[in-house]
């Protein structure tokens, strides 16, 4: 093959070399192990050519054996539009400088493991097809020869879903926000005899915006895309603000609140938006679990060198459910629920550097506690 390259070495192995290296990975135990994983796995030699392909790749290509793919490079396997730009193939075009797959493979050959996301575009009958791949290249030495164990996971659907989610939340929040602003304007201008209906419309539009924001926040937290903006906060003031918000919700009708104000002002350093969301979920959870005309106690106090916010109601969580309370999608309220307590745990542990837990006992009810480190005076 020609030696010209714009990035990675152009040299390729001879057919006898490829055949010999292929036999190194014919061990039945190794084949069974690599065939059992859910990702596409190939083993590349020191010229970045495939000498082993697992069953997932062969199934994807509709091949019974690996004969057709032996000797290919990853870009050639996926028909990357840049793999045919030079005579030496994948890894040697000017565009390959920006390819994370080539960088990862070269790292693997130098003895370092590397994970990355890689985008590949191919042309099928003049139609562009885009892949988003998560790749992992790990060094592998067999009989003093250097290879790379190269795992490939197609995340194209996930990437598309996340892009659509961002567009959806952006557009629907604009619409819901406009509705809320219109409701506020109507509320300020309507005659007195229409104030009740206007207040109801304003409340529902506010709750709509709040629910959309909550879902966007949860998705961002799960995908590790949240940015934290810590600030010095008064926990009692934040508790009062959250309590005022929930008292306007429809589920608060008929619920009595026993507010236990702190004896002293508790200062914490935290992200106000995330903390407010956790406190809202705690109160909503307590209200939903309370019977009609039930009582929900809420307060904050010093605890364990930090500050604690708590809610309490009279219901008792069945013992069989207590280990499941913070699991995603678990709920005693029916299918399609269960994100409230899960998001409390996720946001508190992963982002607020605090802890959340509960106790539930007959005769005492259920108390959820949110602990956060306090700011020293």
Protein backbone atom coordinates (compact mmCIF):
# COMPACT_ATOMS: atom_id res chain seq x y z
CA UNK A 1 0.00 0.00 0.00
CA UNK A 2 1.14 3.60 -0.56
CA UNK A 3 2.89 5.13 2.43
CA UNK A 4 1.33 8.58 2.10
CA UNK A 5 -0.66 9.69 5.13
CA UNK A 6 -1.94 12.91 6.66
CA UNK A 7 -2.21 11.49 10.18
CA UNK A 8 -1.90 7.86 11.36
CA UNK A 9 0.62 5.42 9.84
CA UNK A 10 -0.48 4.09 6.47
CA UNK A 11 1.22 0.65 6.58
CA UNK A 12 -1.04 -2.40 6.45
CA UNK A 13 -0.38 -5.99 7.43
CA UNK A 14 0.06 -8.66 4.77
CA UNK A 15 -2.56 -11.36 4.30
CA UNK A 16 -0.32 -14.04 5.92
CA UNK A 17 0.20 -11.72 8.93
CA UNK A 18 -3.55 -11.18 9.29
CA UNK A 19 -4.23 -14.91 9.06
CA UNK A 20 -1.60 -15.69 11.73
CA UNK A 21 -2.90 -12.98 14.08
CA UNK A 22 -6.48 -14.14 13.56
CA UNK A 23 -5.48 -17.59 14.85
CA UNK A 24 -4.21 -16.01 18.09
CA UNK A 25 -7.83 -15.21 19.00
CA UNK A 26 -9.44 -18.51 18.07
CA UNK A 27 -9.53 -19.72 21.70
CA UNK A 28 -13.05 -20.97 22.45
CA UNK A 29 -13.19 -19.38 25.91
CA UNK A 30 -12.15 -15.96 24.59
CA UNK A 31 -14.61 -16.14 21.69
CA UNK A 32 -17.46 -17.11 24.04
CA UNK A 33 -16.58 -14.27 26.40
CA UNK A 34 -16.45 -11.59 23.68
CA UNK A 35 -19.57 -12.96 21.98
CA UNK A 36 -21.50 -12.64 25.25
CA UNK A 37 -21.08 -8.87 25.67
CA UNK A 38 -23.80 -6.58 24.33
CA UNK A 39 -21.49 -4.17 22.48
CA UNK A 40 -19.71 -4.59 19.16
CA UNK A 41 -16.16 -5.72 19.95
CA UNK A 42 -13.27 -6.01 17.53
CA UNK A 43 -9.58 -6.66 18.12
CA UNK A 44 -7.21 -4.51 16.06
CA UNK A 45 -3.56 -5.21 15.33
CA UNK A 46 -0.73 -2.66 15.33
CA UNK A 47 -1.75 -1.46 11.85
CA UNK A 48 -5.30 -0.77 13.14
CA UNK A 49 -6.79 -3.66 11.16
CA UNK A 50 -9.43 -6.09 12.43
CA UNK A 51 -8.18 -9.56 13.36
CA UNK A 52 -11.22 -10.58 15.42
CA UNK A 53 -14.92 -9.56 15.34
CA UNK A 54 -17.53 -10.70 17.85
CA UNK A 55 -20.96 -12.11 17.05
CA UNK A 56 -22.76 -8.76 17.53
CA UNK A 57 -20.83 -7.21 14.67
CA UNK A 58 -21.37 -10.20 12.40
CA UNK A 59 -25.12 -10.18 13.19
CA UNK A 60 -25.29 -6.47 12.39
CA UNK A 61 -23.62 -7.05 9.03
CA UNK A 62 -25.58 -10.24 8.30
CA UNK A 63 -22.38 -12.27 8.07
CA UNK A 64 -21.92 -15.85 9.25
CA UNK A 65 -18.12 -15.59 9.53
CA UNK A 66 -15.64 -12.77 10.00
CA UNK A 67 -13.88 -13.44 6.69
CA UNK A 68 -15.13 -10.26 5.00
CA UNK A 69 -14.19 -7.89 7.85
CA UNK A 70 -10.71 -9.27 8.64
CA UNK A 71 -8.18 -6.67 7.55
CA UNK A 72 -10.63 -3.75 7.59
CA UNK A 73 -10.13 -0.68 9.72
CA UNK A 74 -13.05 0.70 11.81
CA UNK A 75 -13.76 3.61 9.44
CA UNK A 76 -13.90 1.23 6.50
CA UNK A 77 -16.22 -1.05 8.46
CA UNK A 78 -18.71 1.81 8.92
CA UNK A 79 -18.11 3.21 5.39
CA UNK A 80 -16.89 6.52 6.81
CA UNK A 81 -16.91 9.17 4.09
CA UNK A 82 -13.26 10.02 4.89
CA UNK A 83 -11.98 6.43 4.79
CA UNK A 84 -11.85 6.47 0.99
CA UNK A 85 -10.31 9.95 0.65
CA UNK A 86 -6.78 8.53 0.50
CA UNK A 87 -5.39 5.33 -0.96
CA UNK A 88 -4.16 4.20 2.47
CA UNK A 89 -7.70 4.27 3.91
CA UNK A 90 -9.03 4.88 7.42
CA UNK A 91 -6.91 7.11 9.64
CA UNK A 92 -4.80 8.67 6.89
CA UNK A 93 -6.94 11.53 5.52
CA UNK A 94 -6.65 15.18 6.70
CA UNK A 95 -10.05 14.83 8.42
CA UNK A 96 -8.75 11.95 10.56
CA UNK A 97 -6.90 14.47 12.75
CA UNK A 98 -10.31 15.21 14.32
CA UNK A 99 -11.49 11.59 14.62
CA UNK A 100 -11.78 10.42 18.23
CA UNK A 101 -11.77 6.78 17.10
CA UNK A 102 -8.32 7.06 15.53
CA UNK A 103 -6.99 8.92 18.59
CA UNK A 104 -8.41 6.23 20.91
CA UNK A 105 -6.88 3.39 18.88
CA UNK A 106 -3.47 5.07 18.83
CA UNK A 107 -3.71 5.52 22.59
CA UNK A 108 -4.51 1.83 22.97
CA UNK A 109 -1.50 0.86 20.88
CA UNK A 110 0.70 3.04 23.09
CA UNK A 111 -0.53 1.19 26.19
CA UNK A 112 -3.23 3.59 27.44
CA UNK A 113 -6.96 2.96 27.74
CA UNK A 114 -9.21 5.66 26.30
CA UNK A 115 -12.98 6.23 26.15
CA UNK A 116 -14.56 8.78 23.84
CA UNK A 117 -17.54 9.67 21.72
CA UNK A 118 -17.08 9.49 17.98
CA UNK A 119 -19.19 10.78 15.08
CA UNK A 120 -19.02 9.03 11.71
CA UNK A 121 -20.79 10.13 8.54
CA UNK A 122 -21.18 7.77 5.62
CA UNK A 123 -22.77 8.08 2.21
CA UNK A 124 -25.30 5.55 0.97
CA UNK A 125 -26.30 6.24 -2.64
CA UNK A 126 -25.57 9.95 -2.15
CA UNK A 127 -27.60 9.96 1.09
CA UNK A 128 -25.78 10.97 4.27
CA UNK A 129 -26.13 8.67 7.30
CA UNK A 130 -24.73 9.82 10.66
CA UNK A 131 -23.58 7.60 13.52
CA UNK A 132 -22.93 8.66 17.10
CA UNK A 133 -20.75 6.05 18.77
CA UNK A 134 -19.33 5.56 22.23
CA UNK A 135 -15.97 3.82 21.92
CA UNK A 136 -13.42 2.34 24.26
CA UNK A 137 -9.91 1.29 23.24
CA UNK A 138 -7.93 -0.89 25.67
CA UNK A 139 -4.36 -2.14 25.17
CA UNK A 140 -3.93 -5.88 24.77
CA UNK A 141 -0.68 -7.85 24.50
CA UNK A 142 -0.64 -11.43 23.20
CA UNK A 143 2.63 -13.30 22.67
CA UNK A 144 4.59 -10.02 22.82
CA UNK A 145 2.44 -8.46 20.07
CA UNK A 146 0.44 -5.29 20.69
CA UNK A 147 -3.28 -5.22 19.93
CA UNK A 148 -6.26 -3.05 20.84
CA UNK A 149 -9.54 -4.34 22.23
CA UNK A 150 -11.98 -1.91 20.61
CA UNK A 151 -15.58 -1.75 21.91
CA UNK A 152 -18.24 0.17 20.02
CA UNK A 153 -21.69 1.18 21.32
CA UNK A 154 -24.18 2.95 19.04
CA UNK A 155 -25.65 5.93 20.93
CA UNK A 156 -27.25 7.57 17.89
CA UNK A 157 -30.80 7.06 19.22
CA UNK A 158 -29.82 8.46 22.62
CA UNK A 159 -28.21 11.52 21.05
CA UNK A 160 -31.26 12.16 18.86
CA UNK A 161 -33.59 11.76 21.85
CA UNK A 162 -31.61 14.20 23.95
CA UNK A 163 -31.50 16.74 21.12
CA UNK A 164 -35.26 16.43 20.63
CA UNK A 165 -35.81 16.76 24.39
CA UNK A 166 -33.85 20.01 24.48
CA UNK A 167 -35.83 21.40 21.55
CA UNK A 168 -39.10 20.22 23.11
CA UNK A 169 -38.41 21.78 26.52
CA UNK A 170 -37.25 25.03 24.93
CA UNK A 171 -40.38 25.36 22.79
CA UNK A 172 -42.92 24.19 25.34
CA UNK A 173 -41.47 26.41 28.07
CA UNK A 174 -41.74 29.39 25.75
CA UNK A 175 -45.41 28.54 25.14
CA UNK A 176 -46.22 27.79 28.78
CA UNK A 177 -44.33 30.89 29.92
CA UNK A 178 -46.32 33.03 27.49
CA UNK A 179 -49.54 31.50 28.87
CA UNK A 180 -48.44 32.29 32.42
CA UNK A 181 -47.62 35.90 31.54
CA UNK A 182 -50.99 36.29 29.80
CA UNK A 183 -52.77 34.85 32.85
CA UNK A 184 -50.92 37.35 35.05
CA UNK A 185 -51.98 40.25 32.81
CA UNK A 186 -55.61 39.10 32.82
CA UNK A 187 -55.53 38.71 36.59
CA UNK A 188 -54.44 42.32 36.99
CA UNK A 189 -57.10 43.70 34.63
CA UNK A 190 -60.28 41.61 35.05
CA UNK A 191 -63.30 42.87 37.02
CA UNK A 192 -63.67 41.75 40.60
CA UNK A 193 -66.44 39.23 39.80
CA UNK A 194 -64.02 37.31 37.51
CA UNK A 195 -61.07 37.29 39.88
CA UNK A 196 -61.74 33.72 41.05
CA UNK A 197 -61.57 32.21 37.55
CA UNK A 198 -58.55 34.34 36.70
CA UNK A 199 -56.73 33.20 39.83
CA UNK A 200 -57.47 29.59 38.93
CA UNK A 201 -56.08 30.06 35.39
CA UNK A 202 -52.98 31.77 36.78
CA UNK A 203 -52.40 28.97 39.29
CA UNK A 204 -52.74 26.21 36.69
CA UNK A 205 -50.42 27.96 34.24
CA UNK A 206 -47.84 28.42 37.02
CA UNK A 207 -48.06 24.73 37.95
CA UNK A 208 -47.66 23.78 34.28
CA UNK A 209 -44.44 25.77 33.98
CA UNK A 210 -43.21 24.31 37.27
CA UNK A 211 -43.83 20.71 36.17
CA UNK A 212 -42.06 21.26 32.84
CA UNK A 213 -39.07 22.79 34.65
CA UNK A 214 -39.00 19.84 37.06
CA UNK A 215 -38.83 17.30 34.24
CA UNK A 216 -36.13 19.23 32.40
CA UNK A 217 -34.12 19.46 35.62
CA UNK A 218 -34.39 15.72 36.26
CA UNK A 219 -33.30 14.78 32.73
CA UNK A 220 -30.34 17.16 32.95
CA UNK A 221 -29.36 15.68 36.33
CA UNK A 222 -29.48 12.10 35.01
CA UNK A 223 -27.32 12.96 32.01
CA UNK A 224 -24.83 14.89 34.19
CA UNK A 225 -25.52 18.18 32.39
CA UNK A 226 -26.48 20.30 35.41
CA UNK A 227 -24.44 23.34 36.35
CA UNK A 228 -24.30 24.22 40.04
CA UNK A 229 -24.50 27.85 41.18
CA UNK A 230 -23.89 27.82 44.94
CA UNK A 231 -24.89 30.87 46.96
CA UNK A 232 -25.34 31.77 50.62
CA UNK A 233 -28.98 31.04 51.51
CA UNK A 234 -31.21 31.38 54.55
CA UNK A 235 -32.95 28.03 54.92
CA UNK A 236 -35.91 29.48 56.84
CA UNK A 237 -36.59 32.05 54.11
CA UNK A 238 -36.38 29.40 51.41
CA UNK A 239 -38.72 27.14 53.42
CA UNK A 240 -41.25 29.96 53.68
CA UNK A 241 -41.09 30.58 49.92
CA UNK A 242 -41.54 26.88 49.10
CA UNK A 243 -44.43 26.57 51.56
CA UNK A 244 -46.17 29.54 49.99
CA UNK A 245 -45.85 27.89 46.56
CA UNK A 246 -47.29 24.52 47.59
CA UNK A 247 -50.19 26.06 49.49
CA UNK A 248 -51.45 27.44 46.17
CA UNK A 249 -51.50 23.96 44.56
CA UNK A 250 -54.72 22.03 44.10
CA UNK A 251 -53.39 19.08 46.13
CA UNK A 252 -52.98 21.41 49.13
CA UNK A 253 -56.74 21.90 49.42
CA UNK A 254 -57.88 20.45 52.75
CA UNK A 255 -54.33 19.91 54.06
CA UNK A 256 -53.38 21.60 57.33
CA UNK A 257 -49.76 22.74 57.67
CA UNK A 258 -48.04 22.74 61.05
CA UNK A 259 -45.10 25.08 60.43
CA UNK A 260 -42.31 24.85 62.97
CA UNK A 261 -40.14 27.89 62.36
CA UNK A 262 -36.47 27.65 63.35
CA UNK A 263 -35.29 29.25 66.54
CA UNK A 264 -32.35 30.79 64.72
CA UNK A 265 -31.49 31.71 61.15
CA UNK A 266 -29.74 28.80 59.47
CA UNK A 267 -27.37 29.79 56.68
CA UNK A 268 -26.28 27.27 54.08
CA UNK A 269 -24.31 27.43 50.86
CA UNK A 270 -26.19 25.66 48.10
CA UNK A 271 -27.78 25.97 44.67
CA UNK A 272 -31.12 27.71 45.26
CA UNK A 273 -32.91 26.23 42.22
CA UNK A 274 -31.97 22.61 42.99
CA UNK A 275 -32.57 22.93 46.73
CA UNK A 276 -35.96 24.54 46.14
CA UNK A 277 -36.87 21.64 43.83
CA UNK A 278 -35.94 19.03 46.46
CA UNK A 279 -37.91 20.86 49.16
CA UNK A 280 -40.92 21.18 46.85
CA UNK A 281 -40.83 17.45 46.12
CA UNK A 282 -40.63 16.65 49.81
CA UNK A 283 -43.69 18.77 50.57
CA UNK A 284 -45.67 17.49 47.58
CA UNK A 285 -44.84 13.91 48.57
CA UNK A 286 -46.04 14.58 52.12
CA UNK A 287 -49.27 16.18 50.87
CA UNK A 288 -50.04 13.38 48.40
CA UNK A 289 -49.63 10.79 51.16
CA UNK A 290 -51.87 12.68 53.60
CA UNK A 291 -55.59 11.89 53.93
CA UNK A 292 -58.25 14.55 53.40
CA UNK A 293 -58.03 17.09 56.23
CA UNK A 294 -54.66 15.59 57.20
CA UNK A 295 -51.78 17.48 58.77
CA UNK A 296 -48.30 18.00 57.34
CA UNK A 297 -45.59 19.24 59.70
CA UNK A 298 -42.73 21.17 58.13
CA UNK A 299 -39.71 22.87 59.64
CA UNK A 300 -35.97 23.33 59.68
CA UNK A 301 -33.43 23.13 62.50
CA UNK A 302 -29.72 22.64 63.25
CA UNK A 303 -28.64 18.99 62.98
CA UNK A 304 -25.31 17.12 63.06
CA UNK A 305 -23.20 20.20 62.41
CA UNK A 306 -25.41 21.24 59.52
CA UNK A 307 -28.99 22.20 58.78
CA UNK A 308 -32.04 20.02 58.33
CA UNK A 309 -35.32 20.55 56.52
CA UNK A 310 -38.05 18.02 57.29
CA UNK A 311 -41.63 17.10 56.49
CA UNK A 312 -43.89 14.77 58.47
CA UNK A 313 -47.33 13.27 57.91
CA UNK A 314 -49.43 10.67 59.72
CA UNK A 315 -49.24 7.91 57.11
CA UNK A 316 -46.93 4.92 57.53
CA UNK A 317 -45.02 3.39 54.62
CA UNK A 318 -45.47 -0.42 54.51
CA UNK A 319 -42.30 -2.19 55.57
CA UNK A 320 -42.03 -4.06 52.26
CA UNK A 321 -41.87 -0.73 50.39
CA UNK A 322 -39.32 1.07 52.56
CA UNK A 323 -36.26 -0.24 50.73
CA UNK A 324 -37.76 0.85 47.40
CA UNK A 325 -38.79 4.43 48.18
CA UNK A 326 -35.84 6.12 46.45
CA UNK A 327 -35.69 3.79 43.46
CA UNK A 328 -36.48 5.26 40.07
CA UNK A 329 -40.11 4.74 38.98
CA UNK A 330 -41.17 3.05 42.23
CA UNK A 331 -44.42 4.46 43.57
CA UNK A 332 -47.31 3.37 45.73
CA UNK A 333 -49.55 5.79 43.79
CA UNK A 334 -49.75 3.77 40.56
CA UNK A 335 -47.78 3.27 37.36
CA UNK A 336 -46.06 6.18 35.67
CA UNK A 337 -45.11 7.77 39.00
CA UNK A 338 -42.15 7.50 41.36
CA UNK A 339 -39.81 10.24 40.13
CA UNK A 340 -40.36 12.63 43.06
CA UNK A 341 -38.50 10.71 45.76
CA UNK A 342 -35.92 9.48 43.25
CA UNK A 343 -35.13 13.04 42.13
CA UNK A 344 -34.84 14.12 45.78
CA UNK A 345 -32.11 11.54 46.32
CA UNK A 346 -30.41 12.17 42.95
CA UNK A 347 -30.20 15.96 43.31
CA UNK A 348 -29.23 15.91 47.00
CA UNK A 349 -26.52 13.24 46.81
CA UNK A 350 -25.00 14.08 43.44
CA UNK A 351 -25.27 17.86 43.35
CA UNK A 352 -26.08 19.41 46.76
CA UNK A 353 -23.56 17.27 48.69
CA UNK A 354 -26.13 16.54 51.37
CA UNK A 355 -28.26 13.53 52.29
CA UNK A 356 -31.93 12.65 52.34
CA UNK A 357 -33.66 9.88 54.27
CA UNK A 358 -36.82 9.01 56.16
CA UNK A 359 -38.27 7.20 59.17
CA UNK A 360 -41.72 5.60 59.18
CA UNK A 361 -43.25 4.13 62.34
CA UNK A 362 -46.70 3.20 63.57
CA UNK A 363 -48.07 5.93 65.81
CA UNK A 364 -45.45 8.44 64.63
CA UNK A 365 -46.11 8.66 60.89
CA UNK A 366 -43.45 9.28 58.24
CA UNK A 367 -40.73 11.93 58.42
CA UNK A 368 -38.49 12.82 55.48
CA UNK A 369 -35.28 14.66 56.36
CA UNK A 370 -32.98 16.68 54.12
CA UNK A 371 -29.57 17.42 55.63
CA UNK A 372 -27.16 20.01 54.25
CA UNK A 373 -23.85 21.36 55.52
CA UNK A 374 -24.29 24.70 57.26
CA UNK A 375 -22.26 27.85 56.64
CA UNK A 376 -20.03 28.63 59.59
CA UNK A 377 -20.53 32.07 61.10
